[in-house]
Amino acid sequence: MLILTRKDNESIKIADNIEIKIIQTTKNGVKIGIEAPKNVMILRGELADEIANTNLQASKIDSKSINELSKKLLK
């Protein structure tokens, strides 16, 4: 992990096309702005974890349940 110290209005460049700007720092947190191409997905860490957990739970559905749901949808 790379750890950097930045101040208000300073930034971090990642490759040629991503820039993370420090917009404001306060006692309670940091406001950042991210400039990146539209095809780059940017998610908060907790949201990415929630999606991963939801996908993991969905993958645990057994084939019998899927077949029953499929039959109900086809009616």
C-alpha atoms as a PDB file:
ATOM      1  CA  MET A   1       0.000   0.000   0.000  1.00  0.00           C
ATOM      2  CA  LEU A   2       1.259   3.443  -0.899  1.00  0.00           C
ATOM      3  CA  ILE A   3       0.496   6.093   1.730  1.00  0.00           C
ATOM      4  CA  LEU A   4       0.743   9.754   0.753  1.00  0.00           C
ATOM      5  CA  THR A   5       0.080  13.003   2.550  1.00  0.00           C
ATOM      6  CA  ARG A   6      -1.831  15.594   0.547  1.00  0.00           C
ATOM      7  CA  LYS A   7      -3.257  19.018   1.391  1.00  0.00           C
ATOM      8  CA  ASP A   8      -6.306  20.873   0.084  1.00  0.00           C
ATOM      9  CA  ASN A   9      -6.131  21.461  -3.680  1.00  0.00           C
ATOM     10  CA  GLU A  10      -3.347  18.901  -4.172  1.00  0.00           C
ATOM     11  CA  SER A  11      -3.836  15.751  -6.216  1.00  0.00           C
ATOM     12  CA  ILE A  12      -2.594  12.267  -6.994  1.00  0.00           C
ATOM     13  CA  LYS A  13      -2.230  10.995 -10.563  1.00  0.00           C
ATOM     14  CA  ILE A  14      -2.782   7.340 -11.432  1.00  0.00           C
ATOM     15  CA  ALA A  15      -1.481   6.503 -14.897  1.00  0.00           C
ATOM     16  CA  ASP A  16      -2.300   9.113 -17.531  1.00  0.00           C
ATOM     17  CA  ASN A  17      -6.050   9.205 -17.133  1.00  0.00           C
ATOM     18  CA  ILE A  18      -7.015   9.172 -13.436  1.00  0.00           C
ATOM     19  CA  GLU A  19      -6.575  12.036 -11.006  1.00  0.00           C
ATOM     20  CA  ILE A  20      -7.680  12.124  -7.371  1.00  0.00           C
ATOM     21  CA  LYS A  21      -8.037  15.674  -6.064  1.00  0.00           C
ATOM     22  CA  ILE A  22      -8.230  16.694  -2.427  1.00  0.00           C
ATOM     23  CA  ILE A  23     -11.131  19.144  -2.374  1.00  0.00           C
ATOM     24  CA  GLN A  24     -11.424  19.798   1.348  1.00  0.00           C
ATOM     25  CA  THR A  25     -10.053  18.428   4.597  1.00  0.00           C
ATOM     26  CA  THR A  26     -11.852  18.725   7.923  1.00  0.00           C
ATOM     27  CA  LYS A  27     -11.527  17.287  11.386  1.00  0.00           C
ATOM     28  CA  ASN A  28     -14.082  14.597  10.436  1.00  0.00           C
ATOM     29  CA  GLY A  29     -12.950  13.581   6.974  1.00  0.00           C
ATOM     30  CA  VAL A  30     -11.668  14.383   3.530  1.00  0.00           C
ATOM     31  CA  LYS A  31     -13.678  15.413   0.482  1.00  0.00           C
ATOM     32  CA  ILE A  32     -12.110  14.086  -2.704  1.00  0.00           C
ATOM     33  CA  GLY A  33     -12.857  14.408  -6.385  1.00  0.00           C
ATOM     34  CA  ILE A  34     -11.982  11.732  -8.910  1.00  0.00           C
ATOM     35  CA  GLU A  35     -11.456  12.428 -12.590  1.00  0.00           C
ATOM     36  CA  ALA A  36     -11.432   9.239 -14.633  1.00  0.00           C
ATOM     37  CA  PRO A  37     -12.699   7.969 -17.980  1.00  0.00           C
ATOM     38  CA  LYS A  38     -16.377   7.018 -18.019  1.00  0.00           C
ATOM     39  CA  ASN A  39     -15.506   3.368 -18.619  1.00  0.00           C
ATOM     40  CA  VAL A  40     -13.679   3.172 -15.258  1.00  0.00           C
ATOM     41  CA  MET A  41     -16.015   1.969 -12.512  1.00  0.00           C
ATOM     42  CA  ILE A  42     -15.547   3.828  -9.230  1.00  0.00           C
ATOM     43  CA  LEU A  43     -17.264   2.458  -6.126  1.00  0.00           C
ATOM     44  CA  ARG A  44     -17.005   3.222  -2.434  1.00  0.00           C
ATOM     45  CA  GLY A  45     -15.259   0.328  -0.692  1.00  0.00           C
ATOM     46  CA  GLU A  46     -18.240  -0.578   1.486  1.00  0.00           C
ATOM     47  CA  LEU A  47     -20.523  -0.673  -1.568  1.00  0.00           C
ATOM     48  CA  ALA A  48     -18.112  -2.923  -3.478  1.00  0.00           C
ATOM     49  CA  ASP A  49     -17.990  -5.260  -0.444  1.00  0.00           C
ATOM     50  CA  GLU A  50     -21.793  -5.330  -0.239  1.00  0.00           C
ATOM     51  CA  ILE A  51     -22.087  -6.199  -3.935  1.00  0.00           C
ATOM     52  CA  ALA A  52     -19.506  -8.970  -3.552  1.00  0.00           C
ATOM     53  CA  ASN A  53     -21.355 -10.416  -0.547  1.00  0.00           C
ATOM     54  CA  THR A  54     -24.704 -10.256  -2.368  1.00  0.00           C
ATOM     55  CA  ASN A  55     -23.204 -12.029  -5.383  1.00  0.00           C
ATOM     56  CA  LEU A  56     -21.702 -14.693  -3.127  1.00  0.00           C
ATOM     57  CA  GLN A  57     -25.065 -15.324  -1.456  1.00  0.00           C
ATOM     58  CA  ALA A  58     -26.811 -15.474  -4.836  1.00  0.00           C
ATOM     59  CA  SER A  59     -24.307 -18.040  -6.068  1.00  0.00           C
ATOM     60  CA  LYS A  60     -25.245 -20.351  -3.189  1.00  0.00           C
ATOM     61  CA  ILE A  61     -28.796 -20.876  -4.496  1.00  0.00           C
ATOM     62  CA  ASP A  62     -29.199 -24.542  -5.369  1.00  0.00           C
ATOM     63  CA  SER A  63     -30.230 -25.698  -8.831  1.00  0.00           C
ATOM     64  CA  LYS A  64     -33.565 -27.082  -7.546  1.00  0.00           C
ATOM     65  CA  SER A  65     -34.607 -23.596  -6.414  1.00  0.00           C
ATOM     66  CA  ILE A  66     -33.544 -22.138  -9.761  1.00  0.00           C
ATOM     67  CA  ASN A  67     -35.554 -24.765 -11.674  1.00  0.00           C
ATOM     68  CA  GLU A  68     -38.648 -24.070  -9.549  1.00  0.00           C
ATOM     69  CA  LEU A  69     -38.300 -20.312 -10.115  1.00  0.00           C
ATOM     70  CA  SER A  70     -37.815 -20.886 -13.851  1.00  0.00           C
ATOM     71  CA  LYS A  71     -41.032 -22.935 -14.049  1.00  0.00           C
ATOM     72  CA  LYS A  72     -42.981 -20.203 -12.209  1.00  0.00           C
ATOM     73  CA  LEU A  73     -41.643 -17.520 -14.543  1.00  0.00           C
ATOM     74  CA  LEU A  74     -42.593 -19.511 -17.631  1.00  0.00           C
ATOM     75  CA  LYS A  75     -46.266 -19.766 -16.561  1.00  0.00           C
END
